[in-house]
Amino acid sequence: MKSFFALVLAFTVSSAWAGEVDVTDVKMRKTGPNTYRFDVTLKHADTGWDHYADKWQVVGPDGTVLGTRVLAHPHVNEQPFTRSLGGVKIADGIDKVVIRGGDSVHGLGGVEITVAID
């Protein structure tokens, strides 16, 4: 029974050690009137289905989520990795957005990047 609890504890600790998702790079381009595409690079110590980067978001200055890219699977052997999201509408008057990542254990957190809107 002790070995069972030790295994459960080791699994829990290793999942928590993966930490939060860091946004390491963002490329943005205008694709139409008030419409943008974001190519976002994330870094996270994915351990598998139990703890992995599962999303990133484009967030306006007032906290409104303008777009979310859901990540459907772990990227254990692909770090850092880049995924894209197009069709993000950004209203006139917004001069910057924040790109933030999230994972299946901690939710949103880690290093964010602020991007100026031209």
Protein backbone atom coordinates (compact mmCIF):
# COMPACT_ATOMS: atom_id res chain seq x y z
CA MET A 1 0.00 0.00 0.00
CA LYS A 2 2.91 2.37 0.76
CA SER A 3 4.25 1.94 -2.77
CA PHE A 4 0.84 2.86 -4.20
CA PHE A 5 0.78 6.14 -2.25
CA ALA A 6 4.40 6.85 -3.21
CA LEU A 7 3.49 6.36 -6.87
CA VAL A 8 0.48 8.68 -6.56
CA LEU A 9 2.61 11.31 -4.81
CA ALA A 10 5.37 11.07 -7.44
CA PHE A 11 2.80 11.44 -10.24
CA THR A 12 1.24 14.48 -8.59
CA VAL A 13 4.58 16.19 -7.95
CA SER A 14 5.88 15.54 -11.49
CA SER A 15 2.68 16.98 -12.99
CA ALA A 16 2.96 20.13 -10.90
CA TRP A 17 6.63 20.60 -11.85
CA ALA A 18 5.67 21.27 -15.45
CA GLY A 19 4.83 24.80 -14.34
CA GLU A 20 2.84 27.37 -16.24
CA VAL A 21 2.86 28.19 -19.94
CA ASP A 22 5.26 30.87 -21.16
CA VAL A 23 4.58 32.83 -24.35
CA THR A 24 8.02 33.23 -25.95
CA ASP A 25 7.22 34.87 -29.30
CA VAL A 26 4.31 36.48 -31.15
CA LYS A 27 4.02 37.41 -34.79
CA MET A 28 0.95 39.39 -35.83
CA ARG A 29 -0.25 40.55 -39.21
CA LYS A 30 -3.29 42.41 -40.41
CA THR A 31 -5.41 40.28 -42.75
CA GLY A 32 -8.35 42.65 -43.29
CA PRO A 33 -10.17 45.60 -41.77
CA ASN A 34 -9.74 45.28 -37.99
CA THR A 35 -8.84 41.60 -38.50
CA TYR A 36 -5.54 39.95 -37.51
CA ARG A 37 -3.69 36.64 -37.54
CA PHE A 38 -1.46 35.69 -34.62
CA ASP A 39 1.37 33.12 -34.71
CA VAL A 40 2.21 32.38 -31.07
CA THR A 41 5.12 30.36 -29.72
CA LEU A 42 4.64 28.67 -26.35
CA LYS A 43 6.99 26.83 -24.03
CA HIS A 44 5.74 24.40 -21.40
CA ALA A 45 7.13 21.22 -19.89
CA ASP A 46 4.21 19.08 -21.10
CA THR A 47 4.19 15.72 -19.33
CA GLY A 48 1.36 14.16 -21.36
CA TRP A 49 -2.42 14.27 -21.13
CA ASP A 50 -2.27 14.92 -17.37
CA HIS A 51 -0.49 18.30 -17.75
CA TYR A 52 -0.06 20.16 -21.03
CA ALA A 53 -0.42 23.59 -22.63
CA ASP A 54 -4.06 23.58 -23.70
CA LYS A 55 -4.74 27.14 -24.93
CA TRP A 56 -3.57 30.65 -25.60
CA GLN A 57 -5.59 33.86 -25.75
CA VAL A 58 -5.56 37.34 -27.25
CA VAL A 59 -6.78 39.74 -24.56
CA GLY A 60 -7.77 43.40 -24.89
CA PRO A 61 -6.70 46.15 -22.48
CA ASP A 62 -9.97 45.86 -20.54
CA GLY A 63 -9.55 42.08 -20.08
CA THR A 64 -11.93 41.07 -22.87
CA VAL A 65 -10.84 37.86 -24.57
CA LEU A 66 -10.71 38.67 -28.29
CA GLY A 67 -9.65 35.21 -29.43
CA THR A 68 -8.72 31.80 -28.03
CA ARG A 69 -6.68 29.07 -29.68
CA VAL A 70 -7.50 25.71 -28.08
CA LEU A 71 -4.67 23.16 -28.21
CA ALA A 72 -6.08 19.68 -28.59
CA HIS A 73 -3.14 17.55 -27.46
CA PRO A 74 0.17 17.59 -25.53
CA HIS A 75 3.41 18.65 -27.21
CA VAL A 76 5.80 16.61 -25.07
CA ASN A 77 8.49 16.23 -27.76
CA GLU A 78 7.87 19.54 -29.55
CA GLN A 79 9.05 22.42 -27.36
CA PRO A 80 8.74 25.27 -27.88
CA PHE A 81 5.96 25.11 -30.47
CA THR A 82 4.03 27.63 -32.57
CA ARG A 83 0.33 27.64 -33.40
CA SER A 84 -1.77 30.20 -35.26
CA LEU A 85 -5.15 31.84 -34.94
CA GLY A 86 -6.71 33.99 -37.65
CA GLY A 87 -9.84 36.07 -37.85
CA VAL A 88 -9.22 37.92 -34.58
CA LYS A 89 -11.27 41.14 -34.62
CA ILE A 90 -9.69 44.11 -32.85
CA ALA A 91 -11.76 47.27 -32.65
CA ASP A 92 -10.48 50.72 -33.58
CA GLY A 93 -8.98 52.45 -30.59
CA ILE A 94 -7.32 49.35 -29.13
CA ASP A 95 -3.59 50.02 -29.31
CA LYS A 96 -2.28 46.86 -27.67
CA VAL A 97 -3.26 43.31 -26.74
CA VAL A 98 -1.80 40.73 -24.38
CA ILE A 99 -1.07 37.16 -25.44
CA ARG A 100 -1.31 34.70 -22.55
CA GLY A 101 -1.10 30.93 -22.32
CA GLY A 102 -2.80 28.32 -20.19
CA ASP A 103 -2.39 24.71 -19.23
CA SER A 104 -4.59 21.87 -18.07
CA VAL A 105 -3.42 22.06 -14.42
CA HIS A 106 -2.74 25.73 -13.59
CA GLY A 107 -5.10 27.43 -16.01
CA LEU A 108 -3.87 30.79 -17.30
CA GLY A 109 -0.46 32.01 -16.18
CA GLY A 110 3.22 32.25 -16.96
CA VAL A 111 5.04 34.78 -19.12
CA GLU A 112 2.78 36.97 -21.27
CA ILE A 113 3.68 39.19 -24.23
CA THR A 114 2.09 42.55 -24.99
CA VAL A 115 1.79 43.38 -28.69
CA ALA A 116 1.23 46.87 -30.11
CA ILE A 117 -1.53 47.19 -32.72
CA ASP A 118 -0.44 49.36 -35.65
